[in-house]
């Protein structure tokens, strides 16, 4: 492929010209930094990869941590473990083996995220939290979310929420407020 064909295919000449024009209009003291930031902001973020692993919580009990990759960064989320006590409470996914973690290992949840969840979320816009959460719920048709596990679903949802806030360039609490429809947000300080 020739250079000109590549530039034309991706409309790079026009995009670069737009960025240069914006830098000139802004009279920026550092045009390269301005152009770089302008180009980065012009690309909509999408989820490119979801990777899970086992971590230990503060009590030494295994739980799930998720790294959600977008074309703008890496965002982590983890979910604490615990025994479901409510009648309608979702249950976490634990292996139940009598290995080193006395049945509390989360290899099944990690595998579910790395295989099923990652495939379902790649290409999605991280600002669309309700759609991401619906995909997670749809992947696990069980009533108490025992197939994927509440720990896996929550860890992915938290990482996606952080990615959405970063894409919108707002603090996490403002993004969550926006998702909930709250307009007047103040932190108790």
C-alpha atoms as a PDB file:
ATOM      1  CA  UNK A   1       0.000   0.000   0.000  1.00  0.00           C
ATOM      2  CA  UNK A   2       1.294   3.405  -0.921  1.00  0.00           C
ATOM      3  CA  UNK A   3       1.568   6.164   1.665  1.00  0.00           C
ATOM      4  CA  UNK A   4      -0.994   8.340  -0.115  1.00  0.00           C
ATOM      5  CA  UNK A   5      -3.471   5.427  -0.254  1.00  0.00           C
ATOM      6  CA  UNK A   6      -3.034   4.902   3.481  1.00  0.00           C
ATOM      7  CA  UNK A   7      -3.548   8.612   4.223  1.00  0.00           C
ATOM      8  CA  UNK A   8      -6.667   8.677   2.061  1.00  0.00           C
ATOM      9  CA  UNK A   9      -8.114   5.483   3.501  1.00  0.00           C
ATOM     10  CA  UNK A  10      -7.933   6.795   7.068  1.00  0.00           C
ATOM     11  CA  UNK A  11      -8.554  10.471   6.216  1.00  0.00           C
ATOM     12  CA  UNK A  12      -5.345  11.318   8.063  1.00  0.00           C
ATOM     13  CA  UNK A  13      -4.516  14.458   6.114  1.00  0.00           C
ATOM     14  CA  UNK A  14      -7.835  16.025   7.068  1.00  0.00           C
ATOM     15  CA  UNK A  15      -7.597  14.960  10.726  1.00  0.00           C
ATOM     16  CA  UNK A  16      -4.055  16.257  11.069  1.00  0.00           C
ATOM     17  CA  UNK A  17      -4.988  19.512   9.363  1.00  0.00           C
ATOM     18  CA  UNK A  18      -7.922  19.936  11.781  1.00  0.00           C
ATOM     19  CA  UNK A  19      -5.589  19.388  14.751  1.00  0.00           C
ATOM     20  CA  UNK A  20      -3.027  21.883  13.423  1.00  0.00           C
ATOM     21  CA  UNK A  21      -5.762  24.458  12.798  1.00  0.00           C
ATOM     22  CA  UNK A  22      -7.062  23.984  16.350  1.00  0.00           C
ATOM     23  CA  UNK A  23      -3.529  24.512  17.715  1.00  0.00           C
ATOM     24  CA  UNK A  24      -3.111  27.703  15.687  1.00  0.00           C
ATOM     25  CA  UNK A  25      -6.514  29.022  16.809  1.00  0.00           C
ATOM     26  CA  UNK A  26      -5.652  28.279  20.451  1.00  0.00           C
ATOM     27  CA  UNK A  27      -2.251  29.985  20.085  1.00  0.00           C
ATOM     28  CA  UNK A  28      -0.788  27.223  22.218  1.00  0.00           C
ATOM     29  CA  UNK A  29       2.799  27.557  23.453  1.00  0.00           C
ATOM     30  CA  UNK A  30       3.384  23.815  22.876  1.00  0.00           C
ATOM     31  CA  UNK A  31       1.747  22.880  19.558  1.00  0.00           C
ATOM     32  CA  UNK A  32       2.950  19.254  19.554  1.00  0.00           C
ATOM     33  CA  UNK A  33       1.408  18.568  22.961  1.00  0.00           C
ATOM     34  CA  UNK A  34      -1.809  20.326  21.920  1.00  0.00           C
ATOM     35  CA  UNK A  35      -2.030  18.382  18.645  1.00  0.00           C
ATOM     36  CA  UNK A  36      -1.333  15.107  20.428  1.00  0.00           C
ATOM     37  CA  UNK A  37      -4.102  15.733  22.968  1.00  0.00           C
ATOM     38  CA  UNK A  38      -6.461  16.944  20.253  1.00  0.00           C
ATOM     39  CA  UNK A  39      -5.923  13.759  18.235  1.00  0.00           C
ATOM     40  CA  UNK A  40      -6.374  11.529  21.302  1.00  0.00           C
ATOM     41  CA  UNK A  41      -9.661  13.201  22.200  1.00  0.00           C
ATOM     42  CA  UNK A  42     -10.977  12.870  18.661  1.00  0.00           C
ATOM     43  CA  UNK A  43     -10.981   9.066  18.869  1.00  0.00           C
ATOM     44  CA  UNK A  44     -13.902   7.512  20.702  1.00  0.00           C
ATOM     45  CA  UNK A  45     -12.860   5.025  23.335  1.00  0.00           C
ATOM     46  CA  UNK A  46     -13.798   1.361  22.980  1.00  0.00           C
ATOM     47  CA  UNK A  47     -13.108  -1.663  25.138  1.00  0.00           C
ATOM     48  CA  UNK A  48     -10.254  -3.582  23.534  1.00  0.00           C
ATOM     49  CA  UNK A  49      -9.593  -6.309  26.119  1.00  0.00           C
ATOM     50  CA  UNK A  50     -10.820  -7.575  29.493  1.00  0.00           C
ATOM     51  CA  UNK A  51      -8.382  -9.586  31.613  1.00  0.00           C
ATOM     52  CA  UNK A  52      -9.058 -11.074  35.047  1.00  0.00           C
ATOM     53  CA  UNK A  53      -6.827 -12.557  37.715  1.00  0.00           C
ATOM     54  CA  UNK A  54      -7.043 -13.810  41.269  1.00  0.00           C
ATOM     55  CA  UNK A  55      -5.916 -11.462  44.019  1.00  0.00           C
ATOM     56  CA  UNK A  56      -6.115 -11.787  47.785  1.00  0.00           C
ATOM     57  CA  UNK A  57      -8.289  -9.433  49.806  1.00  0.00           C
ATOM     58  CA  UNK A  58      -7.273  -7.927  53.154  1.00  0.00           C
ATOM     59  CA  UNK A  59      -8.161 -11.185  54.931  1.00  0.00           C
ATOM     60  CA  UNK A  60      -6.074 -13.313  52.559  1.00  0.00           C
ATOM     61  CA  UNK A  61      -9.158 -14.676  50.798  1.00  0.00           C
ATOM     62  CA  UNK A  62      -9.079 -14.942  46.985  1.00  0.00           C
ATOM     63  CA  UNK A  63     -11.174 -12.517  44.983  1.00  0.00           C
ATOM     64  CA  UNK A  64     -11.318 -11.284  41.401  1.00  0.00           C
ATOM     65  CA  UNK A  65      -9.508  -8.280  39.932  1.00  0.00           C
ATOM     66  CA  UNK A  66     -10.239  -7.122  36.399  1.00  0.00           C
ATOM     67  CA  UNK A  67      -8.166  -5.007  34.039  1.00  0.00           C
ATOM     68  CA  UNK A  68     -10.324  -3.433  31.363  1.00  0.00           C
ATOM     69  CA  UNK A  69      -8.323  -2.062  28.438  1.00  0.00           C
ATOM     70  CA  UNK A  70      -9.521   0.712  26.153  1.00  0.00           C
ATOM     71  CA  UNK A  71      -7.645   2.565  23.453  1.00  0.00           C
ATOM     72  CA  UNK A  72      -7.167   5.299  26.073  1.00  0.00           C
ATOM     73  CA  UNK A  73      -5.927   3.359  29.089  1.00  0.00           C
ATOM     74  CA  UNK A  74      -6.216   0.454  31.525  1.00  0.00           C
ATOM     75  CA  UNK A  75      -8.810   0.476  34.301  1.00  0.00           C
ATOM     76  CA  UNK A  76      -9.041  -1.885  37.276  1.00  0.00           C
ATOM     77  CA  UNK A  77     -11.895  -3.119  39.372  1.00  0.00           C
ATOM     78  CA  UNK A  78     -12.087  -5.724  42.111  1.00  0.00           C
ATOM     79  CA  UNK A  79     -14.907  -7.141  44.166  1.00  0.00           C
ATOM     80  CA  UNK A  80     -14.667  -8.240  47.773  1.00  0.00           C
ATOM     81  CA  UNK A  81     -15.696 -11.773  48.607  1.00  0.00           C
ATOM     82  CA  UNK A  82     -18.247 -12.782  51.173  1.00  0.00           C
ATOM     83  CA  UNK A  83     -20.944 -15.273  51.955  1.00  0.00           C
ATOM     84  CA  UNK A  84     -24.379 -14.448  50.583  1.00  0.00           C
ATOM     85  CA  UNK A  85     -26.740 -13.983  53.499  1.00  0.00           C
ATOM     86  CA  UNK A  86     -29.875 -12.500  51.948  1.00  0.00           C
ATOM     87  CA  UNK A  87     -32.611 -14.560  50.349  1.00  0.00           C
ATOM     88  CA  UNK A  88     -32.283 -12.705  47.017  1.00  0.00           C
ATOM     89  CA  UNK A  89     -28.588 -11.869  47.208  1.00  0.00           C
ATOM     90  CA  UNK A  90     -26.399 -12.801  44.241  1.00  0.00           C
ATOM     91  CA  UNK A  91     -23.723 -15.368  44.987  1.00  0.00           C
ATOM     92  CA  UNK A  92     -20.042 -15.198  44.214  1.00  0.00           C
ATOM     93  CA  UNK A  93     -18.311 -17.772  42.079  1.00  0.00           C
ATOM     94  CA  UNK A  94     -15.934 -19.960  44.074  1.00  0.00           C
ATOM     95  CA  UNK A  95     -14.395 -23.209  42.954  1.00  0.00           C
ATOM     96  CA  UNK A  96     -15.335 -25.205  46.037  1.00  0.00           C
ATOM     97  CA  UNK A  97     -12.210 -27.359  45.855  1.00  0.00           C
ATOM     98  CA  UNK A  98     -10.359 -28.270  49.031  1.00  0.00           C
ATOM     99  CA  UNK A  99      -7.098 -26.829  47.751  1.00  0.00           C
ATOM    100  CA  UNK A 100      -4.918 -24.178  49.386  1.00  0.00           C
ATOM    101  CA  UNK A 101      -7.803 -21.695  49.748  1.00  0.00           C
ATOM    102  CA  UNK A 102     -10.297 -24.072  51.434  1.00  0.00           C
ATOM    103  CA  UNK A 103     -12.807 -23.929  48.601  1.00  0.00           C
ATOM    104  CA  UNK A 104     -12.564 -20.149  48.155  1.00  0.00           C
ATOM    105  CA  UNK A 105     -10.451 -20.126  44.981  1.00  0.00           C
ATOM    106  CA  UNK A 106     -11.905 -18.031  42.128  1.00  0.00           C
ATOM    107  CA  UNK A 107     -10.290 -19.714  39.102  1.00  0.00           C
ATOM    108  CA  UNK A 108     -13.720 -20.412  37.574  1.00  0.00           C
ATOM    109  CA  UNK A 109     -14.738 -16.740  37.809  1.00  0.00           C
ATOM    110  CA  UNK A 110     -11.399 -15.636  36.337  1.00  0.00           C
ATOM    111  CA  UNK A 111     -11.769 -18.112  33.470  1.00  0.00           C
ATOM    112  CA  UNK A 112     -15.356 -16.931  32.794  1.00  0.00           C
ATOM    113  CA  UNK A 113     -14.226 -13.321  32.524  1.00  0.00           C
ATOM    114  CA  UNK A 114     -11.220 -14.109  30.340  1.00  0.00           C
ATOM    115  CA  UNK A 115     -13.228 -16.306  27.977  1.00  0.00           C
ATOM    116  CA  UNK A 116     -16.911 -15.256  27.936  1.00  0.00           C
ATOM    117  CA  UNK A 117     -17.048 -11.703  29.279  1.00  0.00           C
ATOM    118  CA  UNK A 118     -14.045 -10.388  27.370  1.00  0.00           C
ATOM    119  CA  UNK A 119     -15.421 -11.622  24.067  1.00  0.00           C
ATOM    120  CA  UNK A 120     -18.825 -10.036  24.757  1.00  0.00           C
ATOM    121  CA  UNK A 121     -17.492  -6.605  25.780  1.00  0.00           C
ATOM    122  CA  UNK A 122     -14.710  -5.981  23.251  1.00  0.00           C
ATOM    123  CA  UNK A 123     -15.755  -3.157  20.941  1.00  0.00           C
ATOM    124  CA  UNK A 124     -18.287  -1.619  23.357  1.00  0.00           C
ATOM    125  CA  UNK A 125     -18.237   2.042  24.408  1.00  0.00           C
ATOM    126  CA  UNK A 126     -17.210   2.211  28.108  1.00  0.00           C
ATOM    127  CA  UNK A 127     -19.500   5.201  28.723  1.00  0.00           C
ATOM    128  CA  UNK A 128     -22.566   3.020  28.122  1.00  0.00           C
ATOM    129  CA  UNK A 129     -22.625   1.509  31.615  1.00  0.00           C
ATOM    130  CA  UNK A 130     -26.207   0.241  31.524  1.00  0.00           C
ATOM    131  CA  UNK A 131     -25.569  -1.616  28.258  1.00  0.00           C
ATOM    132  CA  UNK A 132     -22.382  -3.158  29.644  1.00  0.00           C
ATOM    133  CA  UNK A 133     -24.194  -4.240  32.809  1.00  0.00           C
ATOM    134  CA  UNK A 134     -27.040  -5.692  30.739  1.00  0.00           C
ATOM    135  CA  UNK A 135     -24.564  -7.751  28.693  1.00  0.00           C
ATOM    136  CA  UNK A 136     -23.091  -9.073  31.956  1.00  0.00           C
ATOM    137  CA  UNK A 137     -26.535  -9.981  33.284  1.00  0.00           C
ATOM    138  CA  UNK A 138     -27.498 -11.620  29.984  1.00  0.00           C
ATOM    139  CA  UNK A 139     -24.350 -13.769  29.998  1.00  0.00           C
ATOM    140  CA  UNK A 140     -25.451 -15.325  33.300  1.00  0.00           C
ATOM    141  CA  UNK A 141     -29.068 -16.467  33.054  1.00  0.00           C
ATOM    142  CA  UNK A 142     -29.140 -17.975  36.560  1.00  0.00           C
ATOM    143  CA  UNK A 143     -31.359 -16.266  39.126  1.00  0.00           C
ATOM    144  CA  UNK A 144     -28.606 -15.516  41.638  1.00  0.00           C
ATOM    145  CA  UNK A 145     -25.823 -15.044  39.055  1.00  0.00           C
ATOM    146  CA  UNK A 146     -24.047 -18.227  40.101  1.00  0.00           C
ATOM    147  CA  UNK A 147     -22.623 -19.058  36.675  1.00  0.00           C
ATOM    148  CA  UNK A 148     -20.353 -16.013  36.286  1.00  0.00           C
ATOM    149  CA  UNK A 149     -20.598 -15.029  39.923  1.00  0.00           C
ATOM    150  CA  UNK A 150     -21.479 -11.704  41.505  1.00  0.00           C
ATOM    151  CA  UNK A 151     -17.791 -11.154  42.256  1.00  0.00           C
ATOM    152  CA  UNK A 152     -16.907 -11.425  38.551  1.00  0.00           C
ATOM    153  CA  UNK A 153     -19.833  -9.289  37.367  1.00  0.00           C
ATOM    154  CA  UNK A 154     -19.153  -6.556  39.927  1.00  0.00           C
ATOM    155  CA  UNK A 155     -15.397  -6.394  39.233  1.00  0.00           C
ATOM    156  CA  UNK A 156     -16.004  -5.978  35.484  1.00  0.00           C
ATOM    157  CA  UNK A 157     -18.727  -3.382  36.071  1.00  0.00           C
ATOM    158  CA  UNK A 158     -16.478  -1.327  38.367  1.00  0.00           C
ATOM    159  CA  UNK A 159     -13.612  -1.362  35.849  1.00  0.00           C
ATOM    160  CA  UNK A 160     -16.004  -0.327  33.062  1.00  0.00           C
ATOM    161  CA  UNK A 161     -17.376   2.498  35.206  1.00  0.00           C
ATOM    162  CA  UNK A 162     -13.858   3.838  35.779  1.00  0.00           C
ATOM    163  CA  UNK A 163     -13.163   3.634  32.035  1.00  0.00           C
ATOM    164  CA  UNK A 164     -16.383   5.525  31.312  1.00  0.00           C
ATOM    165  CA  UNK A 165     -15.429   8.300  33.736  1.00  0.00           C
ATOM    166  CA  UNK A 166     -11.999   8.587  32.133  1.00  0.00           C
ATOM    167  CA  UNK A 167     -13.510   8.763  28.649  1.00  0.00           C
ATOM    168  CA  UNK A 168     -15.799  11.602  29.774  1.00  0.00           C
ATOM    169  CA  UNK A 169     -12.845  13.224  31.596  1.00  0.00           C
ATOM    170  CA  UNK A 170     -14.778  13.588  34.853  1.00  0.00           C
ATOM    171  CA  UNK A 171     -14.127  12.247  38.354  1.00  0.00           C
ATOM    172  CA  UNK A 172     -15.685   8.853  39.071  1.00  0.00           C
ATOM    173  CA  UNK A 173     -18.255  10.287  41.508  1.00  0.00           C
ATOM    174  CA  UNK A 174     -19.539  12.700  38.844  1.00  0.00           C
ATOM    175  CA  UNK A 175     -19.790   9.903  36.290  1.00  0.00           C
ATOM    176  CA  UNK A 176     -21.779   7.762  38.737  1.00  0.00           C
ATOM    177  CA  UNK A 177     -24.030  10.722  39.535  1.00  0.00           C
ATOM    178  CA  UNK A 178     -24.601  11.254  35.818  1.00  0.00           C
ATOM    179  CA  UNK A 179     -25.461   7.568  35.368  1.00  0.00           C
ATOM    180  CA  UNK A 180     -28.000   7.797  38.196  1.00  0.00           C
ATOM    181  CA  UNK A 181     -29.556  10.984  36.846  1.00  0.00           C
ATOM    182  CA  UNK A 182     -28.389  13.157  39.735  1.00  0.00           C
ATOM    183  CA  UNK A 183     -27.593  16.696  38.671  1.00  0.00           C
ATOM    184  CA  UNK A 184     -26.680  18.441  41.920  1.00  0.00           C
ATOM    185  CA  UNK A 185     -23.683  16.549  43.256  1.00  0.00           C
ATOM    186  CA  UNK A 186     -21.767  17.431  46.383  1.00  0.00           C
ATOM    187  CA  UNK A 187     -19.423  15.303  48.376  1.00  0.00           C
ATOM    188  CA  UNK A 188     -19.811  15.284  52.164  1.00  0.00           C
ATOM    189  CA  UNK A 189     -16.641  17.081  53.179  1.00  0.00           C
END
